[in-house]
C-alpha cells in the first residue's frame, strides 16, 4: 500500500490519498493541472514535502535509488542512453515481450530504429523488469494504436494481479478509465477528488 499525506509541491498543497495493492487508480484532469508533477513528486524526482509511506516504510527511510525502483515512474517520453534495446534491460520476460508484440530479437535492435510506439511499449517493459511495488504511469498509451492500447492495458492488469502491485495511471480518456480503473481521481483547480467510474 502507498499512503500519501499532505503532499505539497510547485503550486499544489495538502494532497492526501492511498493506493492499495493490486488497485489500479486512474488520474485525470485538465492539461496543466499538475498530474505529471504529482507523479514526479511521488517518485521523489522534484522537491516536495509531506509524508509518503510504502508498505509501512517512510520514503525518507529508503535510499532514493531504492525508492525510485520500488515506486517506478514511466514518463511520457522515456530516455534511451545506449545504442541497443538490450543494453537498457537487466532481465527480460519473454512472455511480457510477446504480450506487447515483440520477439526476443528486439533486444538486439538499434534504439534509433524504434518508432515512438515501440519505444513507449519497451519503456513499460523496462520499468516492469525492475519489479516495482507501485507503478506511476504517465499516459502510457498516448501514442499507441487501438490494438496496442488494449495489449498494454491487459499486460499492466495481469502484472498487477500476479505481483500485487498498485498503479496510478494518468489518462485523458474517460473511455479508458471506465475500462481499466478501480477508482478515478481527478486533479483540478488545485484539488484532488474522487469521481465515479460507473
C-alpha atoms as a PDB file:
ATOM      1  CA  UNK A   1       0.000   0.000   0.000  1.00  0.00           C
ATOM      2  CA  UNK A   2       1.115   3.559  -0.781  1.00  0.00           C
ATOM      3  CA  UNK A   3      -0.149   6.187   1.648  1.00  0.00           C
ATOM      4  CA  UNK A   4       0.215   9.872   0.796  1.00  0.00           C
ATOM      5  CA  UNK A   5      -0.455  12.572   3.390  1.00  0.00           C
ATOM      6  CA  UNK A   6      -0.331  16.344   2.941  1.00  0.00           C
ATOM      7  CA  UNK A   7       1.855  16.198  -0.182  1.00  0.00           C
ATOM      8  CA  UNK A   8       2.835  19.646  -1.431  1.00  0.00           C
ATOM      9  CA  UNK A   9       4.862  20.738  -4.452  1.00  0.00           C
ATOM     10  CA  UNK A  10       5.062  23.579  -7.001  1.00  0.00           C
ATOM     11  CA  UNK A  11       1.735  25.307  -6.511  1.00  0.00           C
ATOM     12  CA  UNK A  12      -0.213  22.342  -5.124  1.00  0.00           C
ATOM     13  CA  UNK A  13      -0.568  21.562  -1.440  1.00  0.00           C
ATOM     14  CA  UNK A  14      -2.223  19.226   1.007  1.00  0.00           C
ATOM     15  CA  UNK A  15      -2.870  16.279  -1.329  1.00  0.00           C
ATOM     16  CA  UNK A  16      -3.731  13.052   0.501  1.00  0.00           C
ATOM     17  CA  UNK A  17      -4.792   9.654  -0.829  1.00  0.00           C
ATOM     18  CA  UNK A  18      -3.795   5.982  -0.781  1.00  0.00           C
ATOM     19  CA  UNK A  19      -3.265   3.161  -3.268  1.00  0.00           C
ATOM     20  CA  UNK A  20      -3.946  -0.418  -2.226  1.00  0.00           C
ATOM     21  CA  UNK A  21      -2.049  -3.412  -3.536  1.00  0.00           C
ATOM     22  CA  UNK A  22      -3.368  -4.610  -6.932  1.00  0.00           C
ATOM     23  CA  UNK A  23      -5.505  -1.468  -7.232  1.00  0.00           C
ATOM     24  CA  UNK A  24      -5.469   0.496 -10.492  1.00  0.00           C
ATOM     25  CA  UNK A  25      -6.409   4.138  -9.995  1.00  0.00           C
ATOM     26  CA  UNK A  26      -6.763   6.422 -12.992  1.00  0.00           C
ATOM     27  CA  UNK A  27      -5.819  10.076 -12.569  1.00  0.00           C
ATOM     28  CA  UNK A  28      -7.397  12.650 -14.858  1.00  0.00           C
ATOM     29  CA  UNK A  29      -7.796  16.405 -15.012  1.00  0.00           C
ATOM     30  CA  UNK A  30      -7.248  19.345 -17.352  1.00  0.00           C
ATOM     31  CA  UNK A  31      -3.887  19.880 -19.025  1.00  0.00           C
ATOM     32  CA  UNK A  32      -1.639  21.842 -16.699  1.00  0.00           C
ATOM     33  CA  UNK A  33      -3.476  20.785 -13.550  1.00  0.00           C
ATOM     34  CA  UNK A  34      -0.372  19.075 -12.143  1.00  0.00           C
ATOM     35  CA  UNK A  35      -0.852  15.369 -12.896  1.00  0.00           C
ATOM     36  CA  UNK A  36       2.704  14.842 -14.139  1.00  0.00           C
ATOM     37  CA  UNK A  37       4.065  16.923 -11.265  1.00  0.00           C
ATOM     38  CA  UNK A  38       2.165  14.720  -8.822  1.00  0.00           C
ATOM     39  CA  UNK A  39       3.719  11.567 -10.262  1.00  0.00           C
ATOM     40  CA  UNK A  40       7.181  13.130 -10.202  1.00  0.00           C
ATOM     41  CA  UNK A  41       6.682  14.150  -6.553  1.00  0.00           C
ATOM     42  CA  UNK A  42       5.609  10.616  -5.611  1.00  0.00           C
ATOM     43  CA  UNK A  43       8.746   9.258  -7.295  1.00  0.00           C
ATOM     44  CA  UNK A  44      10.747  11.890  -5.372  1.00  0.00           C
ATOM     45  CA  UNK A  45      12.169  13.408  -8.557  1.00  0.00           C
ATOM     46  CA  UNK A  46      11.145  17.004  -7.761  1.00  0.00           C
ATOM     47  CA  UNK A  47      11.229  18.939  -4.473  1.00  0.00           C
ATOM     48  CA  UNK A  48       8.162  18.242  -2.337  1.00  0.00           C
ATOM     49  CA  UNK A  49       7.017  17.998   1.250  1.00  0.00           C
ATOM     50  CA  UNK A  50       4.607  15.692   3.018  1.00  0.00           C
ATOM     51  CA  UNK A  51       4.574  12.060   4.050  1.00  0.00           C
ATOM     52  CA  UNK A  52       4.704   9.199   1.561  1.00  0.00           C
ATOM     53  CA  UNK A  53       4.762   5.677   3.012  1.00  0.00           C
ATOM     54  CA  UNK A  54       5.188   2.398   1.136  1.00  0.00           C
ATOM     55  CA  UNK A  55       4.167  -0.778   2.975  1.00  0.00           C
ATOM     56  CA  UNK A  56       4.745   0.933   6.317  1.00  0.00           C
ATOM     57  CA  UNK A  57       8.164   2.370   5.404  1.00  0.00           C
ATOM     58  CA  UNK A  58       8.501   6.152   5.138  1.00  0.00           C
ATOM     59  CA  UNK A  59      10.083   7.430   1.941  1.00  0.00           C
ATOM     60  CA  UNK A  60      12.866   9.208   3.827  1.00  0.00           C
ATOM     61  CA  UNK A  61      13.916   5.890   5.391  1.00  0.00           C
ATOM     62  CA  UNK A  62      14.910   4.485   1.966  1.00  0.00           C
ATOM     63  CA  UNK A  63      17.795   5.298  -0.304  1.00  0.00           C
ATOM     64  CA  UNK A  64      16.490   7.450  -3.200  1.00  0.00           C
ATOM     65  CA  UNK A  65      17.543   4.894  -5.821  1.00  0.00           C
ATOM     66  CA  UNK A  66      15.716   2.106  -3.985  1.00  0.00           C
ATOM     67  CA  UNK A  67      12.609   4.282  -3.589  1.00  0.00           C
ATOM     68  CA  UNK A  68      12.566   5.051  -7.322  1.00  0.00           C
ATOM     69  CA  UNK A  69      12.967   1.374  -8.183  1.00  0.00           C
ATOM     70  CA  UNK A  70      10.036   0.422  -5.969  1.00  0.00           C
ATOM     71  CA  UNK A  71       7.865   3.458  -6.781  1.00  0.00           C
ATOM     72  CA  UNK A  72       8.549   3.489 -10.504  1.00  0.00           C
ATOM     73  CA  UNK A  73       7.627   6.322 -12.852  1.00  0.00           C
ATOM     74  CA  UNK A  74       7.049   5.757 -16.557  1.00  0.00           C
ATOM     75  CA  UNK A  75       7.189   9.272 -18.093  1.00  0.00           C
ATOM     76  CA  UNK A  76       5.548  10.162 -21.411  1.00  0.00           C
ATOM     77  CA  UNK A  77       8.952  10.305 -23.116  1.00  0.00           C
ATOM     78  CA  UNK A  78      11.447   7.799 -21.725  1.00  0.00           C
ATOM     79  CA  UNK A  79      15.196   8.254 -22.052  1.00  0.00           C
ATOM     80  CA  UNK A  80      17.323   5.819 -24.058  1.00  0.00           C
ATOM     81  CA  UNK A  81      21.031   6.213 -23.358  1.00  0.00           C
ATOM     82  CA  UNK A  82      22.639   3.214 -25.084  1.00  0.00           C
ATOM     83  CA  UNK A  83      22.761   2.080 -28.710  1.00  0.00           C
ATOM     84  CA  UNK A  84      20.710  -1.120 -28.468  1.00  0.00           C
ATOM     85  CA  UNK A  85      17.477  -2.024 -26.706  1.00  0.00           C
ATOM     86  CA  UNK A  86      19.001  -4.874 -24.693  1.00  0.00           C
ATOM     87  CA  UNK A  87      21.558  -2.604 -23.037  1.00  0.00           C
ATOM     88  CA  UNK A  88      18.680  -0.957 -21.155  1.00  0.00           C
ATOM     89  CA  UNK A  89      17.452  -4.192 -19.533  1.00  0.00           C
ATOM     90  CA  UNK A  90      18.877  -6.206 -16.653  1.00  0.00           C
ATOM     91  CA  UNK A  91      16.392  -9.006 -17.276  1.00  0.00           C
ATOM     92  CA  UNK A  92      13.753  -9.694 -19.887  1.00  0.00           C
ATOM     93  CA  UNK A  93      10.495 -11.637 -19.614  1.00  0.00           C
ATOM     94  CA  UNK A  94       9.739 -13.303 -22.947  1.00  0.00           C
ATOM     95  CA  UNK A  95       6.068 -13.648 -22.003  1.00  0.00           C
ATOM     96  CA  UNK A  96       5.781  -9.894 -21.455  1.00  0.00           C
ATOM     97  CA  UNK A  97       7.645  -9.216 -24.702  1.00  0.00           C
ATOM     98  CA  UNK A  98       5.214 -11.413 -26.593  1.00  0.00           C
ATOM     99  CA  UNK A  99       2.231  -9.791 -24.884  1.00  0.00           C
ATOM    100  CA  UNK A 100       3.279  -6.475 -26.415  1.00  0.00           C
ATOM    101  CA  UNK A 101       4.002  -7.924 -29.840  1.00  0.00           C
ATOM    102  CA  UNK A 102       7.795  -8.325 -29.661  1.00  0.00           C
ATOM    103  CA  UNK A 103      10.077 -11.265 -30.405  1.00  0.00           C
ATOM    104  CA  UNK A 104      13.195 -11.796 -28.226  1.00  0.00           C
ATOM    105  CA  UNK A 105      15.405 -10.470 -31.031  1.00  0.00           C
ATOM    106  CA  UNK A 106      14.129  -6.939 -30.257  1.00  0.00           C
ATOM    107  CA  UNK A 107      16.861  -6.826 -27.609  1.00  0.00           C
ATOM    108  CA  UNK A 108      19.414  -6.583 -30.403  1.00  0.00           C
ATOM    109  CA  UNK A 109      17.655  -3.753 -32.226  1.00  0.00           C
ATOM    110  CA  UNK A 110      19.228  -0.327 -32.521  1.00  0.00           C
ATOM    111  CA  UNK A 111      17.239   2.188 -30.469  1.00  0.00           C
ATOM    112  CA  UNK A 112      17.279   4.613 -33.396  1.00  0.00           C
ATOM    113  CA  UNK A 113      15.111   2.263 -35.477  1.00  0.00           C
ATOM    114  CA  UNK A 114      12.310   2.174 -32.908  1.00  0.00           C
ATOM    115  CA  UNK A 115       9.067   4.003 -33.601  1.00  0.00           C
ATOM    116  CA  UNK A 116       7.578   6.182 -30.847  1.00  0.00           C
ATOM    117  CA  UNK A 117       5.038   3.464 -30.075  1.00  0.00           C
ATOM    118  CA  UNK A 118       7.709   0.767 -29.860  1.00  0.00           C
ATOM    119  CA  UNK A 119       9.750   2.947 -27.525  1.00  0.00           C
ATOM    120  CA  UNK A 120       6.703   3.519 -25.352  1.00  0.00           C
ATOM    121  CA  UNK A 121       5.897  -0.198 -25.029  1.00  0.00           C
ATOM    122  CA  UNK A 122       9.517  -1.183 -24.429  1.00  0.00           C
ATOM    123  CA  UNK A 123       9.894   1.546 -21.809  1.00  0.00           C
ATOM    124  CA  UNK A 124       6.987  -0.021 -19.919  1.00  0.00           C
ATOM    125  CA  UNK A 125       8.686  -3.424 -20.070  1.00  0.00           C
ATOM    126  CA  UNK A 126      11.899  -1.835 -18.794  1.00  0.00           C
ATOM    127  CA  UNK A 127      10.043  -0.463 -15.773  1.00  0.00           C
ATOM    128  CA  UNK A 128       8.372  -3.815 -15.084  1.00  0.00           C
ATOM    129  CA  UNK A 129      11.734  -5.616 -15.303  1.00  0.00           C
ATOM    130  CA  UNK A 130      12.793  -3.829 -12.102  1.00  0.00           C
ATOM    131  CA  UNK A 131       9.899  -5.442 -10.162  1.00  0.00           C
ATOM    132  CA  UNK A 132       8.379  -2.240  -8.725  1.00  0.00           C
ATOM    133  CA  UNK A 133       5.847  -2.192  -5.899  1.00  0.00           C
ATOM    134  CA  UNK A 134       3.981   0.826  -7.315  1.00  0.00           C
ATOM    135  CA  UNK A 135       3.579   1.852 -10.958  1.00  0.00           C
ATOM    136  CA  UNK A 136       3.218   5.538 -11.819  1.00  0.00           C
ATOM    137  CA  UNK A 137       2.200   5.590 -15.487  1.00  0.00           C
ATOM    138  CA  UNK A 138       2.004   8.963 -17.246  1.00  0.00           C
ATOM    139  CA  UNK A 139      -0.233   8.428 -20.290  1.00  0.00           C
ATOM    140  CA  UNK A 140       1.444   5.121 -21.214  1.00  0.00           C
ATOM    141  CA  UNK A 141      -0.803   4.539 -24.247  1.00  0.00           C
ATOM    142  CA  UNK A 142      -0.905   8.072 -25.687  1.00  0.00           C
ATOM    143  CA  UNK A 143       0.974   7.221 -28.907  1.00  0.00           C
ATOM    144  CA  UNK A 144      -0.460   3.753 -29.486  1.00  0.00           C
ATOM    145  CA  UNK A 145      -2.999   2.329 -31.898  1.00  0.00           C
ATOM    146  CA  UNK A 146      -6.163   0.671 -30.501  1.00  0.00           C
ATOM    147  CA  UNK A 147      -4.765  -2.882 -30.553  1.00  0.00           C
ATOM    148  CA  UNK A 148      -1.592  -1.906 -28.706  1.00  0.00           C
ATOM    149  CA  UNK A 149      -3.597   0.147 -26.196  1.00  0.00           C
ATOM    150  CA  UNK A 150      -5.538  -2.977 -25.247  1.00  0.00           C
ATOM    151  CA  UNK A 151      -2.304  -5.009 -25.110  1.00  0.00           C
ATOM    152  CA  UNK A 152      -0.727  -2.533 -22.674  1.00  0.00           C
ATOM    153  CA  UNK A 153      -3.858  -2.356 -20.522  1.00  0.00           C
ATOM    154  CA  UNK A 154      -4.024  -6.153 -20.350  1.00  0.00           C
ATOM    155  CA  UNK A 155      -0.333  -6.534 -19.534  1.00  0.00           C
ATOM    156  CA  UNK A 156      -0.473  -3.997 -16.706  1.00  0.00           C
ATOM    157  CA  UNK A 157      -3.590  -5.603 -15.252  1.00  0.00           C
ATOM    158  CA  UNK A 158      -2.033  -9.081 -15.439  1.00  0.00           C
ATOM    159  CA  UNK A 159       1.190  -7.825 -13.857  1.00  0.00           C
ATOM    160  CA  UNK A 160      -0.779  -6.188 -11.055  1.00  0.00           C
ATOM    161  CA  UNK A 161      -2.842  -9.242 -10.239  1.00  0.00           C
ATOM    162  CA  UNK A 162       0.196 -11.535 -10.267  1.00  0.00           C
ATOM    163  CA  UNK A 163       2.522  -9.235  -8.305  1.00  0.00           C
ATOM    164  CA  UNK A 164       0.054  -7.352  -6.037  1.00  0.00           C
ATOM    165  CA  UNK A 165       1.271  -4.018  -7.397  1.00  0.00           C
ATOM    166  CA  UNK A 166      -0.629  -0.733  -7.087  1.00  0.00           C
ATOM    167  CA  UNK A 167      -0.889   1.543 -10.112  1.00  0.00           C
ATOM    168  CA  UNK A 168      -1.625   5.241 -10.613  1.00  0.00           C
ATOM    169  CA  UNK A 169      -2.352   5.731 -14.343  1.00  0.00           C
ATOM    170  CA  UNK A 170      -2.711   9.204 -15.874  1.00  0.00           C
ATOM    171  CA  UNK A 171      -5.180   9.278 -18.747  1.00  0.00           C
ATOM    172  CA  UNK A 172      -7.227  11.879 -20.599  1.00  0.00           C
ATOM    173  CA  UNK A 173      -9.573   9.175 -21.915  1.00  0.00           C
ATOM    174  CA  UNK A 174     -12.777   8.671 -19.984  1.00  0.00           C
ATOM    175  CA  UNK A 175     -13.392   5.505 -22.015  1.00  0.00           C
ATOM    176  CA  UNK A 176     -10.035   4.082 -20.925  1.00  0.00           C
ATOM    177  CA  UNK A 177     -10.693   4.907 -17.289  1.00  0.00           C
ATOM    178  CA  UNK A 178     -14.061   3.135 -17.474  1.00  0.00           C
ATOM    179  CA  UNK A 179     -12.327   0.038 -18.911  1.00  0.00           C
ATOM    180  CA  UNK A 180      -9.440  -0.301 -16.504  1.00  0.00           C
ATOM    181  CA  UNK A 181      -9.884   1.747 -13.319  1.00  0.00           C
ATOM    182  CA  UNK A 182     -10.900   0.516  -9.890  1.00  0.00           C
ATOM    183  CA  UNK A 183     -11.155   4.161  -8.870  1.00  0.00           C
ATOM    184  CA  UNK A 184     -10.875   7.534 -10.616  1.00  0.00           C
ATOM    185  CA  UNK A 185      -9.104  10.527  -9.073  1.00  0.00           C
ATOM    186  CA  UNK A 186      -9.442  13.968 -10.629  1.00  0.00           C
ATOM    187  CA  UNK A 187      -6.924  16.778 -10.123  1.00  0.00           C
ATOM    188  CA  UNK A 188      -8.465  20.144 -10.942  1.00  0.00           C
ATOM    189  CA  UNK A 189      -8.146  23.680  -9.571  1.00  0.00           C
ATOM    190  CA  UNK A 190      -5.528  22.539  -7.049  1.00  0.00           C
ATOM    191  CA  UNK A 191      -7.935  19.978  -5.604  1.00  0.00           C
ATOM    192  CA  UNK A 192      -7.775  16.180  -5.742  1.00  0.00           C
ATOM    193  CA  UNK A 193     -11.109  14.383  -5.519  1.00  0.00           C
ATOM    194  CA  UNK A 194     -12.631  11.012  -6.318  1.00  0.00           C
ATOM    195  CA  UNK A 195     -15.145  10.507  -9.110  1.00  0.00           C
ATOM    196  CA  UNK A 196     -17.330   7.542 -10.018  1.00  0.00           C
ATOM    197  CA  UNK A 197     -16.116   5.239 -12.792  1.00  0.00           C
ATOM    198  CA  UNK A 198     -19.530   3.684 -13.361  1.00  0.00           C
END
